[in-house]
């Protein structure tokens, strides 16, 4: 009896799968290779590079002060050594705060830009599914196996390039 139920279930699922028109796409590849993602990264670099350089310059100054303290600390007057130590500590705190704010601002800008890109990817995916009469387009990572003939990744990338 159990064999018959299993065979009926298998036959039903096979028939259902045959009636569905399914495709798969590597959505990570679609996003990462899209011209929009390249533009997003370029814009983020352009916008945040000056700030990053300022933080790096401050880090170099703090590093130089720290090296001076290590080399000359034994021969410095106590008051000079303490003043340099205070300067280094204040610089570290300032740099850490600036880095945290930088990371937060960068991540917020990146998320906003990615949200827009994901909306475009979803629209292009929906348009392709409707135009090609797919019942479903699965992300490649959600399908442990899919024949290469089902892959529409390149089609999605091409559509994204067309809309710029």
N, C-alpha and C. Protein backbone atom coordinates (compact mmCIF):
# COMPACT_ATOMS: atom_id res chain seq x y z
N UNK A 1 0.82 -1.20 0.00
CA UNK A 1 0.00 0.00 0.00
C UNK A 1 0.87 1.26 0.00
N UNK A 2 1.88 1.28 0.86
CA UNK A 2 2.77 2.44 0.93
C UNK A 2 3.48 2.67 -0.40
N UNK A 3 3.82 1.57 -1.08
CA UNK A 3 4.48 1.70 -2.39
C UNK A 3 3.57 2.41 -3.38
N UNK A 4 2.29 2.06 -3.36
CA UNK A 4 1.34 2.66 -4.30
C UNK A 4 1.16 4.14 -4.03
N UNK A 5 1.09 4.52 -2.77
CA UNK A 5 0.94 5.92 -2.42
C UNK A 5 2.17 6.70 -2.87
N UNK A 6 3.34 6.13 -2.63
CA UNK A 6 4.58 6.77 -3.05
C UNK A 6 4.63 6.92 -4.57
N UNK A 7 4.29 5.86 -5.29
CA UNK A 7 4.32 5.91 -6.75
C UNK A 7 3.31 6.90 -7.30
N UNK A 8 2.12 6.97 -6.69
CA UNK A 8 1.12 7.95 -7.12
C UNK A 8 1.62 9.38 -6.87
N UNK A 9 2.21 9.60 -5.72
CA UNK A 9 2.77 10.92 -5.41
C UNK A 9 3.88 11.29 -6.36
N UNK A 10 4.75 10.34 -6.66
CA UNK A 10 5.84 10.57 -7.60
C UNK A 10 5.31 10.88 -8.99
N UNK A 11 4.31 10.13 -9.42
CA UNK A 11 3.73 10.36 -10.74
C UNK A 11 3.06 11.74 -10.81
N UNK A 12 2.36 12.10 -9.75
CA UNK A 12 1.68 13.40 -9.72
C UNK A 12 2.69 14.54 -9.74
N UNK A 13 3.76 14.43 -8.95
CA UNK A 13 4.75 15.50 -8.92
C UNK A 13 5.51 15.57 -10.25
N UNK A 14 5.74 14.44 -10.89
CA UNK A 14 6.40 14.44 -12.20
C UNK A 14 5.51 15.12 -13.24
N UNK A 15 4.25 14.79 -13.21
CA UNK A 15 3.31 15.41 -14.16
C UNK A 15 3.22 16.91 -13.92
N UNK A 16 3.21 17.33 -12.66
CA UNK A 16 3.12 18.75 -12.32
C UNK A 16 4.38 19.48 -12.79
N UNK A 17 5.53 18.86 -12.58
CA UNK A 17 6.79 19.49 -12.98
C UNK A 17 6.87 19.62 -14.49
N UNK A 18 6.32 18.65 -15.21
CA UNK A 18 6.35 18.72 -16.66
C UNK A 18 5.47 19.84 -17.20
N UNK A 19 4.44 20.20 -16.46
CA UNK A 19 3.54 21.24 -16.95
C UNK A 19 4.04 22.64 -16.60
N UNK A 20 5.02 22.74 -15.70
CA UNK A 20 5.58 24.03 -15.33
C UNK A 20 6.75 24.38 -16.25
N UNK A 21 6.85 25.63 -16.59
CA UNK A 21 7.98 26.11 -17.37
C UNK A 21 8.88 26.89 -16.41
N UNK A 22 9.99 26.27 -16.00
CA UNK A 22 10.86 26.82 -14.95
C UNK A 22 12.22 27.18 -15.53
N UNK A 23 12.77 28.26 -15.03
CA UNK A 23 14.13 28.66 -15.39
C UNK A 23 14.89 28.95 -14.10
N UNK A 24 16.21 29.01 -14.22
CA UNK A 24 17.06 29.38 -13.08
C UNK A 24 17.99 30.51 -13.52
N UNK A 25 18.43 31.29 -12.55
CA UNK A 25 19.37 32.38 -12.83
C UNK A 25 20.28 32.56 -11.62
N UNK A 26 21.53 32.82 -11.90
CA UNK A 26 22.50 33.13 -10.84
C UNK A 26 22.35 34.62 -10.55
N UNK A 27 21.50 34.93 -9.57
CA UNK A 27 21.17 36.33 -9.29
C UNK A 27 22.38 37.10 -8.76
N UNK A 28 23.28 36.42 -8.06
CA UNK A 28 24.50 37.10 -7.60
C UNK A 28 25.33 37.56 -8.80
N UNK A 29 25.46 36.71 -9.80
CA UNK A 29 26.21 37.07 -11.00
C UNK A 29 25.50 38.19 -11.75
N UNK A 30 24.18 38.11 -11.83
CA UNK A 30 23.41 39.15 -12.51
C UNK A 30 23.69 40.51 -11.87
N UNK A 31 23.63 40.55 -10.55
CA UNK A 31 23.82 41.81 -9.83
C UNK A 31 25.27 42.29 -9.95
N UNK A 32 26.22 41.40 -9.69
CA UNK A 32 27.63 41.80 -9.65
C UNK A 32 28.18 42.22 -11.01
N UNK A 33 27.66 41.64 -12.09
CA UNK A 33 28.20 41.97 -13.40
C UNK A 33 27.37 43.02 -14.16
N UNK A 34 26.32 43.48 -13.54
CA UNK A 34 25.47 44.47 -14.21
C UNK A 34 26.21 45.80 -14.33
N UNK A 35 25.96 46.54 -15.40
CA UNK A 35 26.58 47.86 -15.54
C UNK A 35 26.12 48.80 -14.42
N UNK A 36 24.93 48.58 -13.91
CA UNK A 36 24.43 49.41 -12.81
C UNK A 36 25.28 49.21 -11.55
N UNK A 37 25.70 47.97 -11.29
CA UNK A 37 26.52 47.71 -10.11
C UNK A 37 27.90 48.35 -10.27
N UNK A 38 28.45 48.29 -11.46
CA UNK A 38 29.74 48.93 -11.74
C UNK A 38 29.62 50.44 -11.50
N UNK A 39 28.51 51.02 -11.96
CA UNK A 39 28.29 52.46 -11.77
C UNK A 39 28.10 52.80 -10.30
N UNK A 40 27.38 51.95 -9.58
CA UNK A 40 27.16 52.17 -8.14
C UNK A 40 28.51 52.19 -7.42
N UNK A 41 29.34 51.19 -7.71
CA UNK A 41 30.65 51.11 -7.04
C UNK A 41 31.51 52.32 -7.38
N UNK A 42 31.47 52.73 -8.63
CA UNK A 42 32.25 53.90 -9.05
C UNK A 42 31.76 55.16 -8.34
N UNK A 43 30.45 55.33 -8.26
CA UNK A 43 29.89 56.50 -7.58
C UNK A 43 30.24 56.50 -6.08
N UNK A 44 30.14 55.33 -5.47
CA UNK A 44 30.48 55.24 -4.04
C UNK A 44 31.96 55.57 -3.82
N UNK A 45 32.81 55.03 -4.68
CA UNK A 45 34.25 55.31 -4.56
C UNK A 45 34.52 56.80 -4.70
N UNK A 46 33.89 57.40 -5.70
CA UNK A 46 34.08 58.84 -5.95
C UNK A 46 33.60 59.67 -4.75
N UNK A 47 32.45 59.30 -4.21
CA UNK A 47 31.87 60.06 -3.12
C UNK A 47 32.64 59.88 -1.81
N UNK A 48 33.09 58.68 -1.53
CA UNK A 48 33.68 58.39 -0.21
C UNK A 48 35.20 58.36 -0.19
N UNK A 49 35.84 58.39 -1.33
CA UNK A 49 37.30 58.33 -1.38
C UNK A 49 37.98 59.49 -0.64
N UNK A 50 37.54 60.74 -0.82
CA UNK A 50 38.21 61.83 -0.10
C UNK A 50 38.15 61.66 1.42
N UNK A 51 37.00 61.24 1.89
CA UNK A 51 36.84 61.03 3.33
C UNK A 51 37.73 59.90 3.82
N UNK A 52 37.81 58.85 3.04
CA UNK A 52 38.65 57.71 3.40
C UNK A 52 40.12 58.13 3.45
N UNK A 53 40.53 58.93 2.48
CA UNK A 53 41.92 59.41 2.44
C UNK A 53 42.24 60.27 3.66
N UNK A 54 41.28 61.10 4.08
CA UNK A 54 41.50 61.93 5.27
C UNK A 54 41.69 61.06 6.52
N UNK A 55 40.89 60.04 6.63
CA UNK A 55 41.01 59.13 7.78
C UNK A 55 42.36 58.42 7.73
N UNK A 56 42.76 57.97 6.56
CA UNK A 56 44.05 57.28 6.42
C UNK A 56 45.21 58.22 6.76
N UNK A 57 45.09 59.47 6.37
CA UNK A 57 46.15 60.45 6.70
C UNK A 57 46.24 60.65 8.20
N UNK A 58 45.09 60.74 8.86
CA UNK A 58 45.09 60.87 10.33
C UNK A 58 45.69 59.63 10.98
N UNK A 59 45.44 58.48 10.41
CA UNK A 59 46.02 57.25 10.96
C UNK A 59 47.54 57.26 10.82
N UNK A 60 48.03 57.76 9.70
CA UNK A 60 49.47 57.83 9.49
C UNK A 60 50.12 58.79 10.50
N UNK A 61 49.45 59.92 10.76
CA UNK A 61 49.98 60.87 11.75
C UNK A 61 50.02 60.24 13.14
N UNK A 62 48.96 59.54 13.49
CA UNK A 62 48.92 58.88 14.80
C UNK A 62 49.99 57.79 14.89
N UNK A 63 50.20 57.09 13.78
CA UNK A 63 51.23 56.06 13.75
C UNK A 63 52.61 56.68 13.93
N UNK A 64 52.84 57.80 13.27
CA UNK A 64 54.14 58.49 13.40
C UNK A 64 54.35 58.96 14.84
N UNK A 65 53.31 59.52 15.46
CA UNK A 65 53.41 59.95 16.85
C UNK A 65 53.69 58.75 17.76
N UNK A 66 53.04 57.64 17.49
CA UNK A 66 53.24 56.44 18.30
C UNK A 66 54.67 55.92 18.16
N UNK A 67 55.19 55.93 16.94
CA UNK A 67 56.58 55.50 16.71
C UNK A 67 57.56 56.44 17.42
N UNK A 68 57.26 57.74 17.39
CA UNK A 68 58.10 58.71 18.09
C UNK A 68 58.10 58.42 19.59
N UNK A 69 56.92 58.11 20.12
CA UNK A 69 56.82 57.80 21.55
C UNK A 69 57.63 56.55 21.88
N UNK A 70 57.54 55.54 21.03
CA UNK A 70 58.28 54.30 21.28
C UNK A 70 59.79 54.51 21.20
N UNK A 71 60.24 55.33 20.25
CA UNK A 71 61.67 55.55 20.06
C UNK A 71 62.24 56.52 21.10
N UNK A 72 61.51 57.60 21.34
CA UNK A 72 62.07 58.67 22.15
C UNK A 72 61.43 58.79 23.53
N UNK A 73 60.48 57.95 23.82
CA UNK A 73 59.75 58.06 25.08
C UNK A 73 60.62 57.97 26.31
N UNK A 74 61.65 57.17 26.26
CA UNK A 74 62.55 57.00 27.41
C UNK A 74 63.39 58.23 27.69
N UNK A 75 63.65 59.04 26.66
CA UNK A 75 64.51 60.20 26.85
C UNK A 75 63.71 61.51 26.92
N UNK A 76 62.40 61.42 26.75
CA UNK A 76 61.56 62.64 26.79
C UNK A 76 61.30 63.04 28.24
N UNK A 77 61.03 64.32 28.39
CA UNK A 77 60.58 64.77 29.71
C UNK A 77 59.23 64.12 29.98
N UNK A 78 58.97 63.89 31.21
CA UNK A 78 57.72 63.23 31.61
C UNK A 78 56.50 63.99 31.09
N UNK A 79 56.53 65.32 31.18
CA UNK A 79 55.40 66.12 30.72
C UNK A 79 55.22 66.01 29.20
N UNK A 80 56.33 65.98 28.46
CA UNK A 80 56.25 65.84 27.00
C UNK A 80 55.74 64.46 26.61
N UNK A 81 56.22 63.45 27.33
CA UNK A 81 55.77 62.08 27.07
C UNK A 81 54.27 61.96 27.34
N UNK A 82 53.82 62.53 28.43
CA UNK A 82 52.39 62.47 28.78
C UNK A 82 51.55 63.24 27.75
N UNK A 83 52.04 64.39 27.31
CA UNK A 83 51.32 65.17 26.30
C UNK A 83 51.21 64.40 24.99
N UNK A 84 52.30 63.73 24.58
CA UNK A 84 52.28 62.95 23.36
C UNK A 84 51.36 61.73 23.50
N UNK A 85 51.38 61.12 24.66
CA UNK A 85 50.48 59.99 24.92
C UNK A 85 49.03 60.43 24.84
N UNK A 86 48.72 61.57 25.42
CA UNK A 86 47.35 62.11 25.35
C UNK A 86 46.95 62.42 23.90
N UNK A 87 47.88 62.99 23.15
CA UNK A 87 47.61 63.30 21.74
C UNK A 87 47.31 62.02 20.97
N UNK A 88 48.10 60.99 21.20
CA UNK A 88 47.90 59.70 20.52
C UNK A 88 46.54 59.10 20.89
N UNK A 89 46.21 59.12 22.16
CA UNK A 89 44.93 58.56 22.62
C UNK A 89 43.74 59.32 22.04
N UNK A 90 43.84 60.64 22.02
CA UNK A 90 42.77 61.45 21.44
C UNK A 90 42.63 61.18 19.94
N UNK A 91 43.77 61.05 19.28
CA UNK A 91 43.76 60.77 17.84
C UNK A 91 43.11 59.41 17.58
N UNK A 92 43.43 58.41 18.37
CA UNK A 92 42.83 57.07 18.21
C UNK A 92 41.32 57.12 18.38
N UNK A 93 40.87 57.81 19.43
CA UNK A 93 39.43 57.93 19.67
C UNK A 93 38.74 58.65 18.53
N UNK A 94 39.36 59.73 18.07
CA UNK A 94 38.80 60.50 16.97
C UNK A 94 38.74 59.66 15.70
N UNK A 95 39.80 58.93 15.41
CA UNK A 95 39.86 58.10 14.21
C UNK A 95 38.81 56.99 14.28
N UNK A 96 38.70 56.36 15.43
CA UNK A 96 37.71 55.29 15.58
C UNK A 96 36.29 55.82 15.37
N UNK A 97 36.00 57.00 15.90
CA UNK A 97 34.68 57.59 15.71
C UNK A 97 34.45 57.94 14.24
N UNK A 98 35.46 58.51 13.60
CA UNK A 98 35.34 58.86 12.18
C UNK A 98 35.17 57.61 11.32
N UNK A 99 35.91 56.55 11.65
CA UNK A 99 35.78 55.30 10.90
C UNK A 99 34.38 54.72 11.04
N UNK A 100 33.85 54.73 12.25
CA UNK A 100 32.51 54.20 12.48
C UNK A 100 31.47 54.99 11.70
N UNK A 101 31.58 56.31 11.73
CA UNK A 101 30.64 57.16 10.99
C UNK A 101 30.80 56.95 9.49
N UNK A 102 32.04 56.83 9.04
CA UNK A 102 32.31 56.58 7.62
C UNK A 102 31.65 55.27 7.19
N UNK A 103 31.87 54.21 7.96
CA UNK A 103 31.28 52.90 7.63
C UNK A 103 29.76 52.97 7.58
N UNK A 104 29.18 53.66 8.55
CA UNK A 104 27.73 53.79 8.60
C UNK A 104 27.21 54.55 7.37
N UNK A 105 27.83 55.68 7.06
CA UNK A 105 27.41 56.47 5.91
C UNK A 105 27.59 55.70 4.60
N UNK A 106 28.72 55.02 4.48
CA UNK A 106 29.00 54.24 3.27
C UNK A 106 27.96 53.13 3.12
N UNK A 107 27.71 52.43 4.19
CA UNK A 107 26.75 51.31 4.13
C UNK A 107 25.34 51.80 3.82
N UNK A 108 24.95 52.93 4.38
CA UNK A 108 23.63 53.49 4.08
C UNK A 108 23.51 53.87 2.60
N UNK A 109 24.54 54.50 2.07
CA UNK A 109 24.53 54.88 0.66
C UNK A 109 24.53 53.64 -0.24
N UNK A 110 25.29 52.65 0.15
CA UNK A 110 25.37 51.40 -0.62
C UNK A 110 24.02 50.69 -0.61
N UNK A 111 23.40 50.62 0.55
CA UNK A 111 22.09 49.94 0.65
C UNK A 111 21.03 50.65 -0.18
N UNK A 112 21.04 51.97 -0.16
CA UNK A 112 20.07 52.73 -0.95
C UNK A 112 20.27 52.47 -2.44
N UNK A 113 21.52 52.45 -2.87
CA UNK A 113 21.82 52.20 -4.28
C UNK A 113 21.46 50.76 -4.66
N UNK A 114 21.75 49.81 -3.79
CA UNK A 114 21.43 48.42 -4.07
C UNK A 114 19.93 48.18 -4.12
N UNK A 115 19.19 48.90 -3.30
CA UNK A 115 17.73 48.76 -3.31
C UNK A 115 17.20 49.12 -4.69
N UNK A 116 17.69 50.20 -5.25
CA UNK A 116 17.28 50.62 -6.59
C UNK A 116 17.67 49.57 -7.63
N UNK A 117 18.88 49.04 -7.52
CA UNK A 117 19.33 48.01 -8.46
C UNK A 117 18.47 46.76 -8.34
N UNK A 118 18.17 46.34 -7.13
CA UNK A 118 17.35 45.13 -6.93
C UNK A 118 15.95 45.30 -7.51
N UNK A 119 15.42 46.51 -7.42
CA UNK A 119 14.12 46.77 -8.04
C UNK A 119 14.21 46.59 -9.55
N UNK A 120 15.30 47.08 -10.16
CA UNK A 120 15.49 46.90 -11.60
C UNK A 120 15.65 45.43 -11.96
N UNK A 121 16.43 44.70 -11.16
CA UNK A 121 16.64 43.27 -11.41
C UNK A 121 15.31 42.52 -11.31
N UNK A 122 14.51 42.85 -10.31
CA UNK A 122 13.21 42.19 -10.16
C UNK A 122 12.30 42.50 -11.35
N UNK A 123 12.32 43.74 -11.82
CA UNK A 123 11.49 44.11 -12.97
C UNK A 123 11.94 43.38 -14.22
N UNK A 124 13.25 43.34 -14.47
CA UNK A 124 13.79 42.65 -15.64
C UNK A 124 13.47 41.16 -15.56
N UNK A 125 13.57 40.59 -14.38
CA UNK A 125 13.26 39.17 -14.19
C UNK A 125 11.79 38.90 -14.48
N UNK A 126 10.92 39.74 -13.96
CA UNK A 126 9.49 39.59 -14.21
C UNK A 126 9.17 39.75 -15.69
N UNK A 127 9.77 40.75 -16.31
CA UNK A 127 9.54 40.97 -17.75
C UNK A 127 10.00 39.77 -18.58
N UNK A 128 11.17 39.22 -18.25
CA UNK A 128 11.68 38.05 -18.97
C UNK A 128 10.76 36.85 -18.75
N UNK A 129 10.32 36.65 -17.52
CA UNK A 129 9.44 35.53 -17.22
C UNK A 129 8.13 35.64 -18.01
N UNK A 130 7.58 36.83 -18.08
CA UNK A 130 6.33 37.01 -18.81
C UNK A 130 6.54 36.86 -20.31
N UNK A 131 7.61 37.46 -20.84
CA UNK A 131 7.86 37.40 -22.27
C UNK A 131 8.19 35.98 -22.73
N UNK A 132 8.87 35.21 -21.89
CA UNK A 132 9.27 33.85 -22.25
C UNK A 132 8.31 32.79 -21.71
N UNK A 133 7.25 33.24 -21.08
CA UNK A 133 6.21 32.35 -20.54
C UNK A 133 6.75 31.36 -19.50
N UNK A 134 7.63 31.88 -18.64
CA UNK A 134 8.10 31.05 -17.52
C UNK A 134 7.09 31.16 -16.39
N UNK A 135 6.84 30.01 -15.75
CA UNK A 135 5.98 30.02 -14.57
C UNK A 135 6.78 30.46 -13.34
N UNK A 136 8.09 30.23 -13.42
CA UNK A 136 8.93 30.51 -12.27
C UNK A 136 10.39 30.65 -12.71
N UNK A 137 11.08 31.63 -12.13
CA UNK A 137 12.53 31.73 -12.29
C UNK A 137 13.13 31.64 -10.89
N UNK A 138 13.89 30.59 -10.66
CA UNK A 138 14.50 30.35 -9.35
C UNK A 138 15.92 30.89 -9.33
N UNK A 139 16.33 31.32 -8.15
CA UNK A 139 17.73 31.69 -7.95
C UNK A 139 18.54 30.40 -7.99
N UNK A 140 19.67 30.43 -8.68
CA UNK A 140 20.51 29.24 -8.85
C UNK A 140 20.89 28.62 -7.50
N UNK A 141 21.10 29.43 -6.49
CA UNK A 141 21.49 28.88 -5.17
C UNK A 141 20.35 28.10 -4.52
N UNK A 142 19.11 28.32 -4.94
CA UNK A 142 17.97 27.61 -4.37
C UNK A 142 17.73 26.27 -5.05
N UNK A 143 18.41 26.04 -6.15
CA UNK A 143 18.23 24.79 -6.90
C UNK A 143 19.54 24.00 -6.85
N UNK A 144 19.59 22.93 -6.08
CA UNK A 144 20.83 22.16 -5.99
C UNK A 144 21.31 21.65 -7.35
N UNK A 145 20.36 21.40 -8.24
CA UNK A 145 20.72 21.00 -9.60
C UNK A 145 19.72 21.60 -10.56
N UNK A 146 20.23 22.09 -11.66
CA UNK A 146 19.39 22.54 -12.76
C UNK A 146 20.21 22.41 -14.04
N UNK A 147 19.58 21.91 -15.06
CA UNK A 147 20.26 21.75 -16.35
C UNK A 147 20.65 23.13 -16.88
N UNK A 148 21.76 23.18 -17.57
CA UNK A 148 22.23 24.45 -18.13
C UNK A 148 21.23 25.06 -19.09
N UNK A 149 20.42 24.22 -19.71
CA UNK A 149 19.42 24.72 -20.66
C UNK A 149 18.35 25.56 -19.96
N UNK A 150 18.23 25.44 -18.64
CA UNK A 150 17.24 26.22 -17.89
C UNK A 150 17.80 27.57 -17.43
N UNK A 151 19.10 27.78 -17.60
CA UNK A 151 19.76 28.99 -17.07
C UNK A 151 19.49 30.21 -17.95
N UNK A 152 18.95 31.26 -17.34
CA UNK A 152 18.64 32.51 -18.06
C UNK A 152 19.48 33.68 -17.53
N UNK A 153 20.57 33.36 -16.84
CA UNK A 153 21.42 34.40 -16.26
C UNK A 153 21.90 35.39 -17.31
N UNK A 154 22.43 34.89 -18.41
CA UNK A 154 22.96 35.77 -19.45
C UNK A 154 21.86 36.64 -20.07
N UNK A 155 20.66 36.08 -20.18
CA UNK A 155 19.53 36.87 -20.70
C UNK A 155 19.20 38.04 -19.78
N UNK A 156 19.24 37.80 -18.48
CA UNK A 156 18.96 38.87 -17.52
C UNK A 156 20.04 39.94 -17.57
N UNK A 157 21.30 39.52 -17.67
CA UNK A 157 22.40 40.49 -17.75
C UNK A 157 22.25 41.34 -19.01
N UNK A 158 21.90 40.68 -20.11
CA UNK A 158 21.71 41.41 -21.37
C UNK A 158 20.59 42.43 -21.24
N UNK A 159 19.49 42.06 -20.62
CA UNK A 159 18.36 42.99 -20.43
C UNK A 159 18.76 44.17 -19.54
N UNK A 160 19.55 43.91 -18.51
CA UNK A 160 20.01 45.00 -17.64
C UNK A 160 20.92 45.95 -18.40
N UNK A 161 21.75 45.42 -19.28
CA UNK A 161 22.61 46.27 -20.09
C UNK A 161 21.78 47.14 -21.03
N UNK A 162 20.70 46.60 -21.53
CA UNK A 162 19.83 47.34 -22.44
C UNK A 162 19.15 48.53 -21.76
N UNK A 163 18.76 48.34 -20.49
CA UNK A 163 18.08 49.45 -19.80
C UNK A 163 19.06 50.42 -19.17
N UNK A 164 20.35 50.02 -19.15
CA UNK A 164 21.39 50.93 -18.66
C UNK A 164 21.23 51.20 -17.25
